[in-house]
Amino acid sequence: MEKIGKKILIVEDSKNYRWVLEQNLMQAGFDVATADDGEKGLAAVKEEKPDLILLDIEMPRMDGITMSKKLKEAGENLPIIFLTNMSDMKHISGALETATGYIIKSELSVDEIIGRVKEKLNLK
């Protein structure tokens, strides 16, 4: 598989879902880093310098919306796509204040998620 030269950070507390996304993104040619909560995600942004973040909203220790707000406060202007199973407007509007996209996990296949990542990075 040809390398794309872009790094994706997956911040997701579900071990199985994180693993599936990681494997599929690597097969698609991305470099991938992972974290299982928002605190580790913030540290990973500094260390890994990702091109895009796939960010779960509901996580222990620090949720995704808090993490994305902290990134903005720190001057990080990375594209963030929220991953969630919540589809209510309160969560969607709150998330979109700090993110470039919003994916409801149950509504998209992993291939469609990879398509969205490529779209946000202008790779299509």
C-alpha atoms as a PDB file:
ATOM      1  CA  MET A   1       0.000   0.000   0.000  1.00  0.00           C
ATOM      2  CA  GLU A   2       1.312   3.411  -0.968  1.00  0.00           C
ATOM      3  CA  LYS A   3       1.821   5.825   1.911  1.00  0.00           C
ATOM      4  CA  ILE A   4      -0.252   9.006   1.804  1.00  0.00           C
ATOM      5  CA  GLY A   5       2.117  10.940   4.085  1.00  0.00           C
ATOM      6  CA  LYS A   6      -0.646  12.122   6.417  1.00  0.00           C
ATOM      7  CA  LYS A   7      -1.040  11.218  10.086  1.00  0.00           C
ATOM      8  CA  ILE A   8      -4.407  10.607  11.711  1.00  0.00           C
ATOM      9  CA  LEU A   9      -4.868  10.654  15.480  1.00  0.00           C
ATOM     10  CA  ILE A  10      -7.740   8.469  16.695  1.00  0.00           C
ATOM     11  CA  VAL A  11      -8.961   9.398  20.182  1.00  0.00           C
ATOM     12  CA  GLU A  12     -11.540   6.747  21.074  1.00  0.00           C
ATOM     13  CA  ASP A  13     -12.176   4.862  24.315  1.00  0.00           C
ATOM     14  CA  SER A  14     -13.694   1.783  22.649  1.00  0.00           C
ATOM     15  CA  LYS A  15     -10.683  -0.500  22.159  1.00  0.00           C
ATOM     16  CA  ASN A  16     -12.337  -2.573  19.420  1.00  0.00           C
ATOM     17  CA  TYR A  17     -13.630   0.396  17.414  1.00  0.00           C
ATOM     18  CA  ARG A  18     -10.270   2.186  17.758  1.00  0.00           C
ATOM     19  CA  TRP A  19      -8.463  -0.931  16.500  1.00  0.00           C
ATOM     20  CA  VAL A  20     -10.784  -1.335  13.480  1.00  0.00           C
ATOM     21  CA  LEU A  21     -10.345   2.327  12.501  1.00  0.00           C
ATOM     22  CA  GLU A  22      -6.570   2.136  13.004  1.00  0.00           C
ATOM     23  CA  GLN A  23      -6.187  -0.995  10.852  1.00  0.00           C
ATOM     24  CA  ASN A  24      -8.352   0.370   8.043  1.00  0.00           C
ATOM     25  CA  LEU A  25      -6.665   3.775   8.002  1.00  0.00           C
ATOM     26  CA  MET A  26      -3.235   2.118   7.865  1.00  0.00           C
ATOM     27  CA  GLN A  27      -4.421  -0.077   4.981  1.00  0.00           C
ATOM     28  CA  ALA A  28      -5.555   3.113   3.235  1.00  0.00           C
ATOM     29  CA  GLY A  29      -1.988   4.459   3.508  1.00  0.00           C
ATOM     30  CA  PHE A  30      -2.244   6.757   6.532  1.00  0.00           C
ATOM     31  CA  ASP A  31       0.135   6.928   9.472  1.00  0.00           C
ATOM     32  CA  VAL A  32      -1.965   6.430  12.605  1.00  0.00           C
ATOM     33  CA  ALA A  33      -1.573   7.319  16.265  1.00  0.00           C
ATOM     34  CA  THR A  34      -4.138   6.475  18.944  1.00  0.00           C
ATOM     35  CA  ALA A  35      -5.218   7.553  22.417  1.00  0.00           C
ATOM     36  CA  ASP A  36      -8.023   6.224  24.605  1.00  0.00           C
ATOM     37  CA  ASP A  37      -9.130   9.450  26.335  1.00  0.00           C
ATOM     38  CA  GLY A  38      -8.979  13.208  25.893  1.00  0.00           C
ATOM     39  CA  GLU A  39      -6.033  13.763  28.252  1.00  0.00           C
ATOM     40  CA  LYS A  40      -3.883  11.261  26.356  1.00  0.00           C
ATOM     41  CA  GLY A  41      -5.228  12.746  23.126  1.00  0.00           C
ATOM     42  CA  LEU A  42      -3.940  16.224  24.047  1.00  0.00           C
ATOM     43  CA  ALA A  43      -0.493  14.779  24.800  1.00  0.00           C
ATOM     44  CA  ALA A  44      -0.563  12.815  21.532  1.00  0.00           C
ATOM     45  CA  VAL A  45      -1.308  15.982  19.508  1.00  0.00           C
ATOM     46  CA  LYS A  46       1.905  17.585  20.810  1.00  0.00           C
ATOM     47  CA  GLU A  47       3.948  14.422  20.317  1.00  0.00           C
ATOM     48  CA  GLU A  48       2.537  13.067  17.053  1.00  0.00           C
ATOM     49  CA  LYS A  49       1.686  16.291  15.151  1.00  0.00           C
ATOM     50  CA  PRO A  50      -1.326  14.751  13.348  1.00  0.00           C
ATOM     51  CA  ASP A  51      -2.883  16.183  10.185  1.00  0.00           C
ATOM     52  CA  LEU A  52      -6.407  15.315  11.363  1.00  0.00           C
ATOM     53  CA  ILE A  53      -8.071  14.010  14.530  1.00  0.00           C
ATOM     54  CA  LEU A  54     -10.908  11.497  14.702  1.00  0.00           C
ATOM     55  CA  LEU A  55     -12.328  12.286  18.134  1.00  0.00           C
ATOM     56  CA  ASP A  56     -14.913  10.410  20.174  1.00  0.00           C
ATOM     57  CA  ILE A  57     -17.170  12.644  22.270  1.00  0.00           C
ATOM     58  CA  GLU A  58     -18.065  10.420  25.231  1.00  0.00           C
ATOM     59  CA  MET A  59     -14.841   9.305  26.947  1.00  0.00           C
ATOM     60  CA  PRO A  60     -13.541   8.923  30.497  1.00  0.00           C
ATOM     61  CA  ARG A  61     -11.240  11.547  32.127  1.00  0.00           C
ATOM     62  CA  MET A  62     -11.764  14.166  29.377  1.00  0.00           C
ATOM     63  CA  ASP A  63     -14.512  14.131  26.756  1.00  0.00           C
ATOM     64  CA  GLY A  64     -13.918  15.017  23.124  1.00  0.00           C
ATOM     65  CA  ILE A  65     -15.615  18.421  23.179  1.00  0.00           C
ATOM     66  CA  THR A  66     -13.445  19.528  26.130  1.00  0.00           C
ATOM     67  CA  MET A  67     -10.345  18.231  24.353  1.00  0.00           C
ATOM     68  CA  SER A  68     -11.209  20.090  21.139  1.00  0.00           C
ATOM     69  CA  LYS A  69     -11.819  23.342  23.063  1.00  0.00           C
ATOM     70  CA  LYS A  70      -8.439  22.967  24.809  1.00  0.00           C
ATOM     71  CA  LEU A  71      -6.763  22.474  21.417  1.00  0.00           C
ATOM     72  CA  LYS A  72      -8.377  25.656  20.072  1.00  0.00           C
ATOM     73  CA  GLU A  73      -7.343  27.586  23.210  1.00  0.00           C
ATOM     74  CA  ALA A  74      -3.769  26.363  22.665  1.00  0.00           C
ATOM     75  CA  GLY A  75      -3.864  27.700  19.101  1.00  0.00           C
ATOM     76  CA  GLU A  76      -3.995  24.265  17.437  1.00  0.00           C
ATOM     77  CA  ASN A  77      -6.082  24.572  14.311  1.00  0.00           C
ATOM     78  CA  LEU A  78      -6.310  20.935  13.262  1.00  0.00           C
ATOM     79  CA  PRO A  79      -9.250  19.473  11.393  1.00  0.00           C
ATOM     80  CA  ILE A  80     -11.305  17.451  13.867  1.00  0.00           C
ATOM     81  CA  ILE A  81     -14.016  14.978  12.940  1.00  0.00           C
ATOM     82  CA  PHE A  82     -16.121  13.943  15.903  1.00  0.00           C
ATOM     83  CA  LEU A  83     -17.151  10.299  16.169  1.00  0.00           C
ATOM     84  CA  THR A  84     -20.196   9.573  18.262  1.00  0.00           C
ATOM     85  CA  ASN A  85     -23.327   7.506  18.600  1.00  0.00           C
ATOM     86  CA  MET A  86     -25.323  10.550  19.721  1.00  0.00           C
ATOM     87  CA  SER A  87     -27.466  12.125  17.054  1.00  0.00           C
ATOM     88  CA  ASP A  88     -29.290  14.835  19.023  1.00  0.00           C
ATOM     89  CA  MET A  89     -28.871  18.440  17.903  1.00  0.00           C
ATOM     90  CA  LYS A  90     -27.489  19.646  21.265  1.00  0.00           C
ATOM     91  CA  HIS A  91     -24.426  17.427  20.889  1.00  0.00           C
ATOM     92  CA  ILE A  92     -24.069  18.099  17.172  1.00  0.00           C
ATOM     93  CA  SER A  93     -24.182  21.893  17.505  1.00  0.00           C
ATOM     94  CA  GLY A  94     -21.823  21.846  20.507  1.00  0.00           C
ATOM     95  CA  ALA A  95     -19.375  19.653  18.644  1.00  0.00           C
ATOM     96  CA  LEU A  96     -19.446  21.691  15.462  1.00  0.00           C
ATOM     97  CA  GLU A  97     -18.327  24.817  17.319  1.00  0.00           C
ATOM     98  CA  THR A  98     -14.821  23.339  17.442  1.00  0.00           C
ATOM     99  CA  ALA A  99     -14.816  20.672  14.734  1.00  0.00           C
ATOM    100  CA  THR A 100     -14.845  20.439  10.978  1.00  0.00           C
ATOM    101  CA  GLY A 101     -17.081  17.390  10.833  1.00  0.00           C
ATOM    102  CA  TYR A 102     -19.353  15.059  12.714  1.00  0.00           C
ATOM    103  CA  ILE A 103     -19.862  11.342  12.123  1.00  0.00           C
ATOM    104  CA  ILE A 104     -22.489   9.193  13.792  1.00  0.00           C
ATOM    105  CA  LYS A 105     -20.666   5.856  14.093  1.00  0.00           C
ATOM    106  CA  SER A 106     -23.695   3.667  13.517  1.00  0.00           C
ATOM    107  CA  GLU A 107     -24.617   5.469  10.288  1.00  0.00           C
ATOM    108  CA  LEU A 108     -21.330   5.184   8.347  1.00  0.00           C
ATOM    109  CA  SER A 109     -19.105   2.279   7.419  1.00  0.00           C
ATOM    110  CA  VAL A 110     -15.369   2.452   8.098  1.00  0.00           C
ATOM    111  CA  ASP A 111     -14.806   2.964   4.343  1.00  0.00           C
ATOM    112  CA  GLU A 112     -17.151   5.972   4.404  1.00  0.00           C
ATOM    113  CA  ILE A 113     -15.284   7.375   7.427  1.00  0.00           C
ATOM    114  CA  ILE A 114     -11.994   7.017   5.523  1.00  0.00           C
ATOM    115  CA  GLY A 115     -13.656   8.810   2.601  1.00  0.00           C
ATOM    116  CA  ARG A 116     -14.565  11.712   4.913  1.00  0.00           C
ATOM    117  CA  VAL A 117     -10.984  11.841   6.244  1.00  0.00           C
ATOM    118  CA  LYS A 118      -9.604  12.003   2.687  1.00  0.00           C
ATOM    119  CA  GLU A 119     -12.168  14.701   1.812  1.00  0.00           C
ATOM    120  CA  LYS A 120     -11.164  16.871   4.806  1.00  0.00           C
ATOM    121  CA  LEU A 121      -7.486  16.507   3.829  1.00  0.00           C
ATOM    122  CA  ASN A 122      -8.267  17.279   0.160  1.00  0.00           C
ATOM    123  CA  LEU A 123      -7.046  13.866  -0.969  1.00  0.00           C
ATOM    124  CA  LYS A 124      -9.986  12.986  -3.252  1.00  0.00           C
END
